[in-house]
Amino acid sequence: MTVWPTDGSGGFLDARVVRRVRCELVDAVTQDDPVHASGVTARVFVDAANSSGAFEVPAGSRVQVGGLSKMQVRSCKRCCGANGRVHHWELGLS
């Protein structure tokens, strides 16, 4: 996965690569009369220990997973283990 972190002011920082992530795709279909719009959303799991280059990706960043189109990070959920350390992050993309 290639990540272009947001700089917080509408731009992006240099690309960073995170390897060994898991991506689940969801086909989001909306119906607005009379136009039907279809897009792809995804959830990406970044493991703190096993995803090389892992970091907490800020919402607003852009990512590209494999050969998919670039998507925007809508949310980043930190999931901690019993010891309070980050186990993984779940990124909501669209």
PDB file of N, CA and C in Angstrom:
ATOM      1  N   MET A   1       0.849  -1.155   0.000  1.00  0.00           N
ATOM      2  CA  MET A   1       0.000   0.000   0.000  1.00  0.00           C
ATOM      3  C   MET A   1       0.903   1.228   0.000  1.00  0.00           C
ATOM      4  N   THR A   2       0.601   2.170  -0.884  1.00  0.00           N
ATOM      5  CA  THR A   2       1.313   3.438  -0.909  1.00  0.00           C
ATOM      6  C   THR A   2       0.432   4.484  -0.244  1.00  0.00           C
ATOM      7  N   VAL A   3       1.028   5.269   0.645  1.00  0.00           N
ATOM      8  CA  VAL A   3       0.297   6.282   1.409  1.00  0.00           C
ATOM      9  C   VAL A   3       0.901   7.649   1.142  1.00  0.00           C
ATOM     10  N   TRP A   4       0.029   8.617   0.829  1.00  0.00           N
ATOM     11  CA  TRP A   4       0.414  10.017   0.743  1.00  0.00           C
ATOM     12  C   TRP A   4      -0.256  10.704   1.924  1.00  0.00           C
ATOM     13  N   PRO A   5       0.471  10.837   3.067  1.00  0.00           N
ATOM     14  CA  PRO A   5      -0.153  11.423   4.258  1.00  0.00           C
ATOM     15  C   PRO A   5      -0.557  12.879   4.014  1.00  0.00           C
ATOM     16  N   THR A   6      -1.683  13.250   4.602  1.00  0.00           N
ATOM     17  CA  THR A   6      -2.123  14.631   4.520  1.00  0.00           C
ATOM     18  C   THR A   6      -1.143  15.526   5.282  1.00  0.00           C
ATOM     19  N   ASP A   7      -0.957  16.737   4.776  1.00  0.00           N
ATOM     20  CA  ASP A   7      -0.100  17.679   5.498  1.00  0.00           C
ATOM     21  C   ASP A   7      -0.923  18.567   6.422  1.00  0.00           C
ATOM     22  N   GLY A   8      -2.243  18.347   6.445  1.00  0.00           N
ATOM     23  CA  GLY A   8      -3.112  19.101   7.328  1.00  0.00           C
ATOM     24  C   GLY A   8      -3.590  20.429   6.768  1.00  0.00           C
ATOM     25  N   SER A   9      -3.089  20.812   5.592  1.00  0.00           N
ATOM     26  CA  SER A   9      -3.509  22.093   5.018  1.00  0.00           C
ATOM     27  C   SER A   9      -3.960  21.933   3.562  1.00  0.00           C
ATOM     28  N   GLY A  10      -4.455  20.750   3.217  1.00  0.00           N
ATOM     29  CA  GLY A  10      -4.974  20.514   1.878  1.00  0.00           C
ATOM     30  C   GLY A  10      -4.001  19.867   0.911  1.00  0.00           C
ATOM     31  N   GLY A  11      -2.765  19.673   1.326  1.00  0.00           N
ATOM     32  CA  GLY A  11      -1.761  19.032   0.472  1.00  0.00           C
ATOM     33  C   GLY A  11      -1.358  17.678   1.039  1.00  0.00           C
ATOM     34  N   PHE A  12      -0.351  17.094   0.428  1.00  0.00           N
ATOM     35  CA  PHE A  12       0.104  15.770   0.839  1.00  0.00           C
ATOM     36  C   PHE A  12       1.617  15.744   0.981  1.00  0.00           C
ATOM     37  N   LEU A  13       2.086  14.901   1.886  1.00  0.00           N
ATOM     38  CA  LEU A  13       3.513  14.698   2.102  1.00  0.00           C
ATOM     39  C   LEU A  13       4.022  13.639   1.131  1.00  0.00           C
ATOM     40  N   ASP A  14       5.324  13.377   1.176  1.00  0.00           N
ATOM     41  CA  ASP A  14       5.928  12.358   0.311  1.00  0.00           C
ATOM     42  C   ASP A  14       5.325  10.989   0.588  1.00  0.00           C
ATOM     43  N   ALA A  15       5.266  10.183  -0.448  1.00  0.00           N
ATOM     44  CA  ALA A  15       4.688   8.840  -0.364  1.00  0.00           C
ATOM     45  C   ALA A  15       5.494   7.948   0.574  1.00  0.00           C
ATOM     46  N   ARG A  16       4.760   7.089   1.295  1.00  0.00           N
ATOM     47  CA  ARG A  16       5.359   6.066   2.148  1.00  0.00           C
ATOM     48  C   ARG A  16       4.740   4.730   1.772  1.00  0.00           C
ATOM     49  N   VAL A  17       5.521   3.669   1.864  1.00  0.00           N
ATOM     50  CA  VAL A  17       5.036   2.336   1.518  1.00  0.00           C
ATOM     51  C   VAL A  17       4.848   1.518   2.790  1.00  0.00           C
ATOM     52  N   VAL A  18       3.691   0.860   2.888  1.00  0.00           N
ATOM     53  CA  VAL A  18       3.395  -0.058   3.987  1.00  0.00           C
ATOM     54  C   VAL A  18       3.114  -1.413   3.348  1.00  0.00           C
ATOM     55  N   ARG A  19       3.881  -2.406   3.723  1.00  0.00           N
ATOM     56  CA  ARG A  19       3.748  -3.740   3.128  1.00  0.00           C
ATOM     57  C   ARG A  19       2.991  -4.685   4.061  1.00  0.00           C
ATOM     58  N   ARG A  20       2.414  -5.702   3.454  1.00  0.00           N
ATOM     59  CA  ARG A  20       1.675  -6.750   4.173  1.00  0.00           C
ATOM     60  C   ARG A  20       0.474  -6.170   4.934  1.00  0.00           C
ATOM     61  N   VAL A  21      -0.454  -5.589   4.181  1.00  0.00           N
ATOM     62  CA  VAL A  21      -1.724  -5.129   4.739  1.00  0.00           C
ATOM     63  C   VAL A  21      -2.827  -6.032   4.187  1.00  0.00           C
ATOM     64  N   ARG A  22      -3.980  -6.010   4.829  1.00  0.00           N
ATOM     65  CA  ARG A  22      -5.138  -6.761   4.322  1.00  0.00           C
ATOM     66  C   ARG A  22      -6.200  -5.767   3.891  1.00  0.00           C
ATOM     67  N   CYS A  23      -6.780  -5.979   2.720  1.00  0.00           N
ATOM     68  CA  CYS A  23      -7.772  -5.065   2.173  1.00  0.00           C
ATOM     69  C   CYS A  23      -9.068  -5.818   1.897  1.00  0.00           C
ATOM     70  N   GLU A  24     -10.180  -5.288   2.417  1.00  0.00           N
ATOM     71  CA  GLU A  24     -11.505  -5.837   2.143  1.00  0.00           C
ATOM     72  C   GLU A  24     -12.269  -4.792   1.338  1.00  0.00           C
ATOM     73  N   LEU A  25     -12.709  -5.156   0.133  1.00  0.00           N
ATOM     74  CA  LEU A  25     -13.437  -4.239  -0.732  1.00  0.00           C
ATOM     75  C   LEU A  25     -14.936  -4.365  -0.508  1.00  0.00           C
ATOM     76  N   VAL A  26     -15.636  -3.227  -0.644  1.00  0.00           N
ATOM     77  CA  VAL A  26     -17.088  -3.180  -0.554  1.00  0.00           C
ATOM     78  C   VAL A  26     -17.574  -2.359  -1.726  1.00  0.00           C
ATOM     79  N   ASP A  27     -18.543  -2.879  -2.472  1.00  0.00           N
ATOM     80  CA  ASP A  27     -19.130  -2.118  -3.575  1.00  0.00           C
ATOM     81  C   ASP A  27     -20.266  -1.297  -2.997  1.00  0.00           C
ATOM     82  N   ALA A  28     -20.094   0.007  -2.985  1.00  0.00           N
ATOM     83  CA  ALA A  28     -21.112   0.909  -2.438  1.00  0.00           C
ATOM     84  C   ALA A  28     -21.948   1.458  -3.576  1.00  0.00           C
ATOM     85  N   VAL A  29     -23.229   1.179  -3.541  1.00  0.00           N
ATOM     86  CA  VAL A  29     -24.125   1.669  -4.581  1.00  0.00           C
ATOM     87  C   VAL A  29     -25.153   2.583  -3.927  1.00  0.00           C
ATOM     88  N   THR A  30     -25.322   3.752  -4.502  1.00  0.00           N
ATOM     89  CA  THR A  30     -26.327   4.676  -3.995  1.00  0.00           C
ATOM     90  C   THR A  30     -27.331   4.954  -5.087  1.00  0.00           C
ATOM     91  N   GLN A  31     -28.542   5.268  -4.694  1.00  0.00           N
ATOM     92  CA  GLN A  31     -29.577   5.582  -5.668  1.00  0.00           C
ATOM     93  C   GLN A  31     -30.119   6.974  -5.381  1.00  0.00           C
ATOM     94  N   ASP A  32     -29.811   7.906  -6.247  1.00  0.00           N
ATOM     95  CA  ASP A  32     -30.324   9.266  -6.177  1.00  0.00           C
ATOM     96  C   ASP A  32     -31.089   9.510  -7.453  1.00  0.00           C
ATOM     97  N   ASP A  33     -32.406   9.773  -7.365  1.00  0.00           N
ATOM     98  CA  ASP A  33     -33.208   9.975  -8.581  1.00  0.00           C
ATOM     99  C   ASP A  33     -32.665  11.104  -9.410  1.00  0.00           C
ATOM    100  N   PRO A  34     -32.505  10.941 -10.704  1.00  0.00           N
ATOM    101  CA  PRO A  34     -32.639   9.689 -11.445  1.00  0.00           C
ATOM    102  C   PRO A  34     -31.297   9.018 -11.690  1.00  0.00           C
ATOM    103  N   VAL A  35     -30.237   9.449 -11.029  1.00  0.00           N
ATOM    104  CA  VAL A  35     -28.886   8.959 -11.314  1.00  0.00           C
ATOM    105  C   VAL A  35     -28.519   7.851 -10.339  1.00  0.00           C
ATOM    106  N   HIS A  36     -27.903   6.799 -10.857  1.00  0.00           N
ATOM    107  CA  HIS A  36     -27.364   5.726 -10.013  1.00  0.00           C
ATOM    108  C   HIS A  36     -25.852   5.880  -9.993  1.00  0.00           C
ATOM    109  N   ALA A  37     -25.285   5.953  -8.813  1.00  0.00           N
ATOM    110  CA  ALA A  37     -23.836   6.100  -8.694  1.00  0.00           C
ATOM    111  C   ALA A  37     -23.264   4.868  -8.010  1.00  0.00           C
ATOM    112  N   SER A  38     -22.151   4.406  -8.507  1.00  0.00           N
ATOM    113  CA  SER A  38     -21.492   3.248  -7.909  1.00  0.00           C
ATOM    114  C   SER A  38     -20.043   3.599  -7.646  1.00  0.00           C
ATOM    115  N   GLY A  39     -19.555   3.216  -6.479  1.00  0.00           N
ATOM    116  CA  GLY A  39     -18.166   3.477  -6.138  1.00  0.00           C
ATOM    117  C   GLY A  39     -17.638   2.331  -5.313  1.00  0.00           C
ATOM    118  N   VAL A  40     -16.378   2.365  -5.026  1.00  0.00           N
ATOM    119  CA  VAL A  40     -15.766   1.321  -4.224  1.00  0.00           C
ATOM    120  C   VAL A  40     -15.303   1.930  -2.919  1.00  0.00           C
ATOM    121  N   THR A  41     -15.605   1.254  -1.834  1.00  0.00           N
ATOM    122  CA  THR A  41     -15.050   1.609  -0.540  1.00  0.00           C
ATOM    123  C   THR A  41     -14.271   0.395  -0.058  1.00  0.00           C
ATOM    124  N   ALA A  42     -13.418   0.600   0.909  1.00  0.00           N
ATOM    125  CA  ALA A  42     -12.599  -0.504   1.398  1.00  0.00           C
ATOM    126  C   ALA A  42     -12.252  -0.295   2.863  1.00  0.00           C
ATOM    127  N   ARG A  43     -11.900  -1.384   3.484  1.00  0.00           N
ATOM    128  CA  ARG A  43     -11.341  -1.344   4.826  1.00  0.00           C
ATOM    129  C   ARG A  43      -9.971  -2.001   4.727  1.00  0.00           C
ATOM    130  N   VAL A  44      -8.957  -1.330   5.235  1.00  0.00           N
ATOM    131  CA  VAL A  44      -7.592  -1.855   5.212  1.00  0.00           C
ATOM    132  C   VAL A  44      -7.129  -2.067   6.647  1.00  0.00           C
ATOM    133  N   PHE A  45      -6.544  -3.224   6.886  1.00  0.00           N
ATOM    134  CA  PHE A  45      -6.011  -3.559   8.199  1.00  0.00           C
ATOM    135  C   PHE A  45      -4.487  -3.467   8.129  1.00  0.00           C
ATOM    136  N   VAL A  46      -3.926  -2.645   9.000  1.00  0.00           N
ATOM    137  CA  VAL A  46      -2.477  -2.453   9.079  1.00  0.00           C
ATOM    138  C   VAL A  46      -2.033  -2.994  10.432  1.00  0.00           C
ATOM    139  N   ASP A  47      -1.243  -4.066  10.425  1.00  0.00           N
ATOM    140  CA  ASP A  47      -0.786  -4.706  11.652  1.00  0.00           C
ATOM    141  C   ASP A  47       0.447  -3.985  12.185  1.00  0.00           C
ATOM    142  N   ALA A  48       0.415  -3.616  13.454  1.00  0.00           N
ATOM    143  CA  ALA A  48       1.525  -2.851  14.037  1.00  0.00           C
ATOM    144  C   ALA A  48       2.837  -3.621  14.020  1.00  0.00           C
ATOM    145  N   ALA A  49       2.779  -4.956  14.150  1.00  0.00           N
ATOM    146  CA  ALA A  49       4.005  -5.753  14.204  1.00  0.00           C
ATOM    147  C   ALA A  49       4.400  -6.336  12.857  1.00  0.00           C
ATOM    148  N   ASN A  50       3.432  -6.737  12.045  1.00  0.00           N
ATOM    149  CA  ASN A  50       3.745  -7.495  10.836  1.00  0.00           C
ATOM    150  C   ASN A  50       3.655  -6.717   9.527  1.00  0.00           C
ATOM    151  N   SER A  51       3.113  -5.520   9.549  1.00  0.00           N
ATOM    152  CA  SER A  51       3.064  -4.690   8.337  1.00  0.00           C
ATOM    153  C   SER A  51       4.291  -3.784   8.362  1.00  0.00           C
ATOM    154  N   SER A  52       5.260  -4.072   7.511  1.00  0.00           N
ATOM    155  CA  SER A  52       6.474  -3.260   7.526  1.00  0.00           C
ATOM    156  C   SER A  52       6.159  -1.844   7.062  1.00  0.00           C
ATOM    157  N   GLY A  53       6.701  -0.878   7.784  1.00  0.00           N
ATOM    158  CA  GLY A  53       6.435   0.529   7.487  1.00  0.00           C
ATOM    159  C   GLY A  53       5.151   1.035   8.114  1.00  0.00           C
ATOM    160  N   ALA A  54       4.524   0.231   8.991  1.00  0.00           N
ATOM    161  CA  ALA A  54       3.229   0.577   9.583  1.00  0.00           C
ATOM    162  C   ALA A  54       3.306   1.870  10.389  1.00  0.00           C
ATOM    163  N   PHE A  55       2.251   2.668  10.250  1.00  0.00           N
ATOM    164  CA  PHE A  55       2.085   3.866  11.059  1.00  0.00           C
ATOM    165  C   PHE A  55       0.605   4.224  11.082  1.00  0.00           C
ATOM    166  N   GLU A  56       0.218   5.111  11.996  1.00  0.00           N
ATOM    167  CA  GLU A  56      -1.175   5.546  12.095  1.00  0.00           C
ATOM    168  C   GLU A  56      -1.427   6.561  10.984  1.00  0.00           C
ATOM    169  N   VAL A  57      -2.188   6.162   9.987  1.00  0.00           N
ATOM    170  CA  VAL A  57      -2.432   6.991   8.803  1.00  0.00           C
ATOM    171  C   VAL A  57      -3.534   7.992   9.121  1.00  0.00           C
ATOM    172  N   PRO A  58      -3.255   9.285   9.024  1.00  0.00           N
ATOM    173  CA  PRO A  58      -4.277  10.271   9.379  1.00  0.00           C
ATOM    174  C   PRO A  58      -5.412  10.327   8.354  1.00  0.00           C
ATOM    175  N   ALA A  59      -6.633  10.561   8.858  1.00  0.00           N
ATOM    176  CA  ALA A  59      -7.782  10.770   7.977  1.00  0.00           C
ATOM    177  C   ALA A  59      -7.465  11.942   7.054  1.00  0.00           C
ATOM    178  N   GLY A  60      -7.900  11.824   5.807  1.00  0.00           N
ATOM    179  CA  GLY A  60      -7.607  12.836   4.801  1.00  0.00           C
ATOM    180  C   GLY A  60      -6.438  12.480   3.911  1.00  0.00           C
ATOM    181  N   SER A  61      -5.692  11.445   4.298  1.00  0.00           N
ATOM    182  CA  SER A  61      -4.569  10.980   3.485  1.00  0.00           C
ATOM    183  C   SER A  61      -5.097  10.256   2.252  1.00  0.00           C
ATOM    184  N   ARG A  62      -4.239  10.075   1.267  1.00  0.00           N
ATOM    185  CA  ARG A  62      -4.583   9.283   0.080  1.00  0.00           C
ATOM    186  C   ARG A  62      -3.793   7.995   0.136  1.00  0.00           C
ATOM    187  N   VAL A  63      -4.416   6.908  -0.329  1.00  0.00           N
ATOM    188  CA  VAL A  63      -3.727   5.616  -0.374  1.00  0.00           C
ATOM    189  C   VAL A  63      -4.044   4.911  -1.683  1.00  0.00           C
ATOM    190  N   GLN A  64      -3.140   4.028  -2.063  1.00  0.00           N
ATOM    191  CA  GLN A  64      -3.368   3.140  -3.202  1.00  0.00           C
ATOM    192  C   GLN A  64      -2.936   1.757  -2.767  1.00  0.00           C
ATOM    193  N   VAL A  65      -3.867   0.814  -2.850  1.00  0.00           N
ATOM    194  CA  VAL A  65      -3.595  -0.561  -2.454  1.00  0.00           C
ATOM    195  C   VAL A  65      -3.499  -1.394  -3.719  1.00  0.00           C
ATOM    196  N   GLY A  66      -2.333  -1.976  -3.955  1.00  0.00           N
ATOM    197  CA  GLY A  66      -2.140  -2.788  -5.147  1.00  0.00           C
ATOM    198  C   GLY A  66      -2.465  -2.004  -6.405  1.00  0.00           C
ATOM    199  N   GLY A  67      -3.239  -2.596  -7.299  1.00  0.00           N
ATOM    200  CA  GLY A  67      -3.594  -1.962  -8.560  1.00  0.00           C
ATOM    201  C   GLY A  67      -4.895  -1.175  -8.514  1.00  0.00           C
ATOM    202  N   LEU A  68      -5.481  -0.999  -7.314  1.00  0.00           N
ATOM    203  CA  LEU A  68      -6.729  -0.242  -7.193  1.00  0.00           C
ATOM    204  C   LEU A  68      -6.475   1.246  -7.413  1.00  0.00           C
ATOM    205  N   SER A  69      -7.531   1.969  -7.689  1.00  0.00           N
ATOM    206  CA  SER A  69      -7.433   3.424  -7.806  1.00  0.00           C
ATOM    207  C   SER A  69      -7.085   4.031  -6.454  1.00  0.00           C
ATOM    208  N   LYS A  70      -6.533   5.228  -6.481  1.00  0.00           N
ATOM    209  CA  LYS A  70      -6.253   5.937  -5.233  1.00  0.00           C
ATOM    210  C   LYS A  70      -7.565   6.237  -4.533  1.00  0.00           C
ATOM    211  N   MET A  71      -7.548   6.111  -3.207  1.00  0.00           N
ATOM    212  CA  MET A  71      -8.723   6.390  -2.388  1.00  0.00           C
ATOM    213  C   MET A  71      -8.325   7.286  -1.231  1.00  0.00           C
ATOM    214  N   GLN A  72      -9.321   7.909  -0.633  1.00  0.00           N
ATOM    215  CA  GLN A  72      -9.074   8.792   0.505  1.00  0.00           C
ATOM    216  C   GLN A  72      -9.359   8.041   1.797  1.00  0.00           C
ATOM    217  N   VAL A  73      -8.517   8.278   2.800  1.00  0.00           N
ATOM    218  CA  VAL A  73      -8.726   7.699   4.124  1.00  0.00           C
ATOM    219  C   VAL A  73      -9.802   8.529   4.818  1.00  0.00           C
ATOM    220  N   ARG A  74     -10.938   7.911   5.104  1.00  0.00           N
ATOM    221  CA  ARG A  74     -12.051   8.591   5.783  1.00  0.00           C
ATOM    222  C   ARG A  74     -11.937   8.456   7.295  1.00  0.00           C
ATOM    223  N   SER A  75     -11.349   7.331   7.745  1.00  0.00           N
ATOM    224  CA  SER A  75     -11.204   7.116   9.187  1.00  0.00           C
ATOM    225  C   SER A  75     -10.014   6.203   9.448  1.00  0.00           C
ATOM    226  N   CYS A  76      -9.458   6.345  10.637  1.00  0.00           N
ATOM    227  CA  CYS A  76      -8.376   5.469  11.087  1.00  0.00           C
ATOM    228  C   CYS A  76      -8.672   5.111  12.537  1.00  0.00           C
ATOM    229  N   LYS A  77      -8.993   3.837  12.763  1.00  0.00           N
ATOM    230  CA  LYS A  77      -9.339   3.362  14.102  1.00  0.00           C
ATOM    231  C   LYS A  77      -8.160   2.605  14.686  1.00  0.00           C
ATOM    232  N   ARG A  78      -7.702   3.034  15.836  1.00  0.00           N
ATOM    233  CA  ARG A  78      -6.603   2.366  16.543  1.00  0.00           C
ATOM    234  C   ARG A  78      -7.186   1.244  17.405  1.00  0.00           C
ATOM    235  N   CYS A  79      -6.685   0.018  17.236  1.00  0.00           N
ATOM    236  CA  CYS A  79      -7.150  -1.133  18.001  1.00  0.00           C
ATOM    237  C   CYS A  79      -5.999  -1.622  18.878  1.00  0.00           C
ATOM    238  N   CYS A  80      -6.209  -1.554  20.184  1.00  0.00           N
ATOM    239  CA  CYS A  80      -5.152  -1.898  21.131  1.00  0.00           C
ATOM    240  C   CYS A  80      -5.391  -3.268  21.744  1.00  0.00           C
ATOM    241  N   GLY A  81      -4.297  -3.917  22.138  1.00  0.00           N
ATOM    242  CA  GLY A  81      -4.364  -5.205  22.820  1.00  0.00           C
ATOM    243  C   GLY A  81      -4.568  -4.995  24.310  1.00  0.00           C
ATOM    244  N   ALA A  82      -4.559  -6.091  25.056  1.00  0.00           N
ATOM    245  CA  ALA A  82      -4.777  -6.050  26.502  1.00  0.00           C
ATOM    246  C   ALA A  82      -3.706  -5.249  27.224  1.00  0.00           C
ATOM    247  N   ASN A  83      -2.512  -5.180  26.623  1.00  0.00           N
ATOM    248  CA  ASN A  83      -1.410  -4.457  27.250  1.00  0.00           C
ATOM    249  C   ASN A  83      -1.460  -2.949  26.964  1.00  0.00           C
ATOM    250  N   GLY A  84      -2.455  -2.508  26.196  1.00  0.00           N
ATOM    251  CA  GLY A  84      -2.583  -1.089  25.884  1.00  0.00           C
ATOM    252  C   GLY A  84      -1.795  -0.642  24.667  1.00  0.00           C
ATOM    253  N   ARG A  85      -0.989  -1.527  24.084  1.00  0.00           N
ATOM    254  CA  ARG A  85      -0.233  -1.188  22.875  1.00  0.00           C
ATOM    255  C   ARG A  85      -1.097  -1.385  21.643  1.00  0.00           C
ATOM    256  N   VAL A  86      -0.786  -0.635  20.586  1.00  0.00           N
ATOM    257  CA  VAL A  86      -1.527  -0.768  19.344  1.00  0.00           C
ATOM    258  C   VAL A  86      -1.270  -2.143  18.742  1.00  0.00           C
ATOM    259  N   HIS A  87      -2.354  -2.858  18.444  1.00  0.00           N
ATOM    260  CA  HIS A  87      -2.260  -4.152  17.765  1.00  0.00           C
ATOM    261  C   HIS A  87      -2.349  -3.948  16.259  1.00  0.00           C
ATOM    262  N   HIS A  88      -3.340  -3.141  15.836  1.00  0.00           N
ATOM    263  CA  HIS A  88      -3.496  -2.822  14.420  1.00  0.00           C
ATOM    264  C   HIS A  88      -4.336  -1.560  14.260  1.00  0.00           C
ATOM    265  N   TRP A  89      -4.353  -1.043  13.041  1.00  0.00           N
ATOM    266  CA  TRP A  89      -5.201   0.089  12.677  1.00  0.00           C
ATOM    267  C   TRP A  89      -6.157  -0.386  11.592  1.00  0.00           C
ATOM    268  N   GLU A  90      -7.400   0.120  11.623  1.00  0.00           N
ATOM    269  CA  GLU A  90      -8.378  -0.157  10.589  1.00  0.00           C
ATOM    270  C   GLU A  90      -8.662   1.156   9.869  1.00  0.00           C
ATOM    271  N   LEU A  91      -8.346   1.173   8.577  1.00  0.00           N
ATOM    272  CA  LEU A  91      -8.557   2.364   7.763  1.00  0.00           C
ATOM    273  C   LEU A  91      -9.847   2.217   6.967  1.00  0.00           C
ATOM    274  N   GLY A  92     -10.716   3.206   7.036  1.00  0.00           N
ATOM    275  CA  GLY A  92     -11.910   3.254   6.207  1.00  0.00           C
ATOM    276  C   GLY A  92     -11.615   4.107   4.994  1.00  0.00           C
ATOM    277  N   LEU A  93     -11.735   3.541   3.784  1.00  0.00           N
ATOM    278  CA  LEU A  93     -11.373   4.232   2.542  1.00  0.00           C
ATOM    279  C   LEU A  93     -12.583   4.413   1.635  1.00  0.00           C
ATOM    280  N   SER A  94     -12.542   5.465   0.845  1.00  0.00           N
ATOM    281  CA  SER A  94     -13.538   5.638  -0.219  1.00  0.00           C
ATOM    282  C   SER A  94     -12.950   6.500  -1.302  1.00  0.00           C
TER     283      SER A  94
END
